[in-house]
């Protein structure tokens, strides 16, 4: 009987750890999505700067 109780305790602990890991993973996904958005915004800004610089160069030549 002690083995059954011990097994239940181990399974309960593992279940709790899985739930915690799932929450952390969801949080990490949110952070990565925010970073992806910021990187996309930064890329768009750089592309705009490059286009403006190229246009200025073409007009200067």
N, C-alpha and C. Protein backbone atom coordinates (compact mmCIF):
# COMPACT_ATOMS: atom_id res chain seq x y z
N UNK A 1 0.82 -1.20 0.00
CA UNK A 1 0.00 0.00 0.00
C UNK A 1 0.86 1.27 0.00
N UNK A 2 1.99 1.19 0.70
CA UNK A 2 2.88 2.35 0.75
C UNK A 2 3.40 2.70 -0.64
N UNK A 3 3.63 1.67 -1.46
CA UNK A 3 4.11 1.91 -2.83
C UNK A 3 3.07 2.65 -3.65
N UNK A 4 1.81 2.33 -3.45
CA UNK A 4 0.74 3.00 -4.19
C UNK A 4 0.67 4.47 -3.80
N UNK A 5 0.74 4.75 -2.51
CA UNK A 5 0.70 6.13 -2.02
C UNK A 5 1.91 6.90 -2.54
N UNK A 6 3.06 6.25 -2.49
CA UNK A 6 4.28 6.89 -2.99
C UNK A 6 4.17 7.17 -4.49
N UNK A 7 3.64 6.24 -5.24
CA UNK A 7 3.46 6.42 -6.68
C UNK A 7 2.51 7.57 -6.98
N UNK A 8 1.44 7.65 -6.22
CA UNK A 8 0.47 8.74 -6.40
C UNK A 8 1.14 10.08 -6.11
N UNK A 9 1.96 10.14 -5.07
CA UNK A 9 2.66 11.38 -4.74
C UNK A 9 3.63 11.77 -5.86
N UNK A 10 4.33 10.80 -6.40
CA UNK A 10 5.27 11.07 -7.49
C UNK A 10 4.51 11.56 -8.72
N UNK A 11 3.41 10.90 -9.05
CA UNK A 11 2.61 11.31 -10.21
C UNK A 11 2.01 12.69 -10.01
N UNK A 12 1.54 12.98 -8.82
CA UNK A 12 0.97 14.30 -8.53
C UNK A 12 2.04 15.38 -8.68
N UNK A 13 3.23 15.10 -8.17
CA UNK A 13 4.33 16.06 -8.30
C UNK A 13 4.71 16.26 -9.76
N UNK A 14 4.77 15.17 -10.50
CA UNK A 14 5.12 15.26 -11.92
C UNK A 14 4.05 16.05 -12.68
N UNK A 15 2.81 15.83 -12.33
CA UNK A 15 1.71 16.55 -12.97
C UNK A 15 1.83 18.05 -12.69
N UNK A 16 2.11 18.40 -11.46
CA UNK A 16 2.28 19.81 -11.09
C UNK A 16 3.44 20.44 -11.86
N UNK A 17 4.52 19.69 -11.99
CA UNK A 17 5.68 20.21 -12.72
C UNK A 17 5.36 20.38 -14.20
N UNK A 18 4.57 19.47 -14.77
CA UNK A 18 4.17 19.59 -16.17
C UNK A 18 3.29 20.82 -16.38
N UNK A 19 2.39 21.07 -15.46
CA UNK A 19 1.53 22.25 -15.56
C UNK A 19 2.38 23.51 -15.49
N UNK A 20 3.34 23.54 -14.57
CA UNK A 20 4.23 24.69 -14.44
C UNK A 20 5.05 24.87 -15.72
N UNK A 21 5.54 23.78 -16.27
CA UNK A 21 6.33 23.86 -17.51
C UNK A 21 5.47 24.37 -18.66
N UNK A 22 4.23 23.93 -18.71
CA UNK A 22 3.32 24.39 -19.76
C UNK A 22 3.08 25.89 -19.65
N UNK A 23 2.91 26.39 -18.45
CA UNK A 23 2.71 27.83 -18.24
C UNK A 23 3.95 28.62 -18.64
N UNK A 24 5.12 28.11 -18.27
CA UNK A 24 6.36 28.79 -18.65
C UNK A 24 6.55 28.78 -20.16
N UNK A 25 6.21 27.68 -20.80
CA UNK A 25 6.31 27.60 -22.24
C UNK A 25 5.38 28.61 -22.91
N UNK A 26 4.17 28.73 -22.40
CA UNK A 26 3.22 29.70 -22.96
C UNK A 26 3.76 31.12 -22.79
N UNK A 27 4.35 31.40 -21.64
CA UNK A 27 4.93 32.71 -21.41
C UNK A 27 6.10 32.96 -22.36
N UNK A 28 6.94 31.95 -22.54
CA UNK A 28 8.08 32.08 -23.47
C UNK A 28 7.60 32.32 -24.89
N UNK A 29 6.52 31.66 -25.28
CA UNK A 29 5.97 31.86 -26.62
C UNK A 29 5.50 33.30 -26.78
N UNK A 30 4.84 33.83 -25.76
CA UNK A 30 4.38 35.23 -25.82
C UNK A 30 5.56 36.18 -25.96
N UNK A 31 6.61 35.95 -25.19
CA UNK A 31 7.79 36.81 -25.25
C UNK A 31 8.44 36.72 -26.63
N UNK A 32 8.54 35.52 -27.17
CA UNK A 32 9.14 35.34 -28.50
C UNK A 32 8.29 36.03 -29.57
N UNK A 33 6.97 35.97 -29.44
CA UNK A 33 6.11 36.65 -30.41
C UNK A 33 6.29 38.16 -30.34
N UNK A 34 6.44 38.69 -29.12
CA UNK A 34 6.68 40.13 -28.97
C UNK A 34 8.03 40.50 -29.58
N UNK A 35 9.04 39.68 -29.33
CA UNK A 35 10.35 39.94 -29.92
C UNK A 35 10.30 39.88 -31.44
N UNK A 36 9.56 38.92 -31.97
CA UNK A 36 9.42 38.79 -33.42
C UNK A 36 8.78 40.05 -34.00
N UNK A 37 7.78 40.57 -33.31
CA UNK A 37 7.11 41.79 -33.77
C UNK A 37 8.08 42.97 -33.76
N UNK A 38 8.86 43.10 -32.68
CA UNK A 38 9.81 44.20 -32.58
C UNK A 38 10.90 44.09 -33.65
N UNK A 39 11.36 42.87 -33.90
CA UNK A 39 12.38 42.68 -34.93
C UNK A 39 11.81 43.03 -36.30
N UNK A 40 10.57 42.63 -36.56
CA UNK A 40 9.95 42.97 -37.84
C UNK A 40 9.82 44.48 -38.00
N UNK A 41 9.46 45.16 -36.91
CA UNK A 41 9.36 46.62 -36.96
C UNK A 41 10.73 47.25 -37.22
N UNK A 42 11.76 46.71 -36.57
CA UNK A 42 13.12 47.23 -36.76
C UNK A 42 13.58 47.00 -38.20
N UNK A 43 13.29 45.83 -38.75
CA UNK A 43 13.67 45.54 -40.13
C UNK A 43 12.97 46.50 -41.08
N UNK A 44 11.69 46.73 -40.85
CA UNK A 44 10.94 47.65 -41.71
C UNK A 44 11.54 49.05 -41.64
N UNK A 45 11.92 49.48 -40.45
CA UNK A 45 12.51 50.81 -40.29
C UNK A 45 13.84 50.90 -41.03
N UNK A 46 14.66 49.86 -40.92
CA UNK A 46 15.96 49.85 -41.60
C UNK A 46 15.76 49.83 -43.12
N UNK A 47 14.81 49.02 -43.58
CA UNK A 47 14.53 48.98 -45.02
C UNK A 47 14.07 50.35 -45.53
N UNK A 48 13.29 51.04 -44.73
CA UNK A 48 12.83 52.38 -45.10
C UNK A 48 14.02 53.34 -45.18
N UNK A 49 14.90 53.25 -44.20
CA UNK A 49 16.10 54.11 -44.18
C UNK A 49 16.99 53.82 -45.40
N UNK A 50 17.15 52.54 -45.73
CA UNK A 50 17.97 52.16 -46.88
C UNK A 50 17.35 52.71 -48.16
N UNK A 51 16.03 52.55 -48.30
CA UNK A 51 15.35 53.04 -49.51
C UNK A 51 15.50 54.56 -49.62
N UNK A 52 15.37 55.26 -48.50
CA UNK A 52 15.51 56.72 -48.52
C UNK A 52 16.95 57.11 -48.88
N UNK A 53 17.92 56.38 -48.34
CA UNK A 53 19.32 56.68 -48.65
C UNK A 53 19.62 56.39 -50.12
N UNK A 54 19.09 55.30 -50.64
CA UNK A 54 19.31 54.97 -52.05
C UNK A 54 18.67 56.01 -52.95
N UNK A 55 17.49 56.45 -52.58
CA UNK A 55 16.80 57.46 -53.38
C UNK A 55 17.60 58.77 -53.35
N UNK A 56 18.11 59.13 -52.19
CA UNK A 56 18.94 60.33 -52.08
C UNK A 56 20.21 60.21 -52.88
N UNK A 57 20.79 59.01 -52.91
CA UNK A 57 22.01 58.79 -53.69
C UNK A 57 21.71 58.91 -55.18
N UNK A 58 20.62 58.31 -55.63
CA UNK A 58 20.26 58.36 -57.04
C UNK A 58 20.01 59.81 -57.47
N UNK A 59 19.35 60.58 -56.62
CA UNK A 59 19.08 61.98 -56.95
C UNK A 59 20.36 62.81 -56.97
N UNK A 60 21.33 62.42 -56.13
CA UNK A 60 22.58 63.16 -56.07
C UNK A 60 23.45 62.86 -57.28
N UNK A 61 23.29 61.69 -57.87
CA UNK A 61 24.13 61.30 -59.02
C UNK A 61 23.54 61.83 -60.26
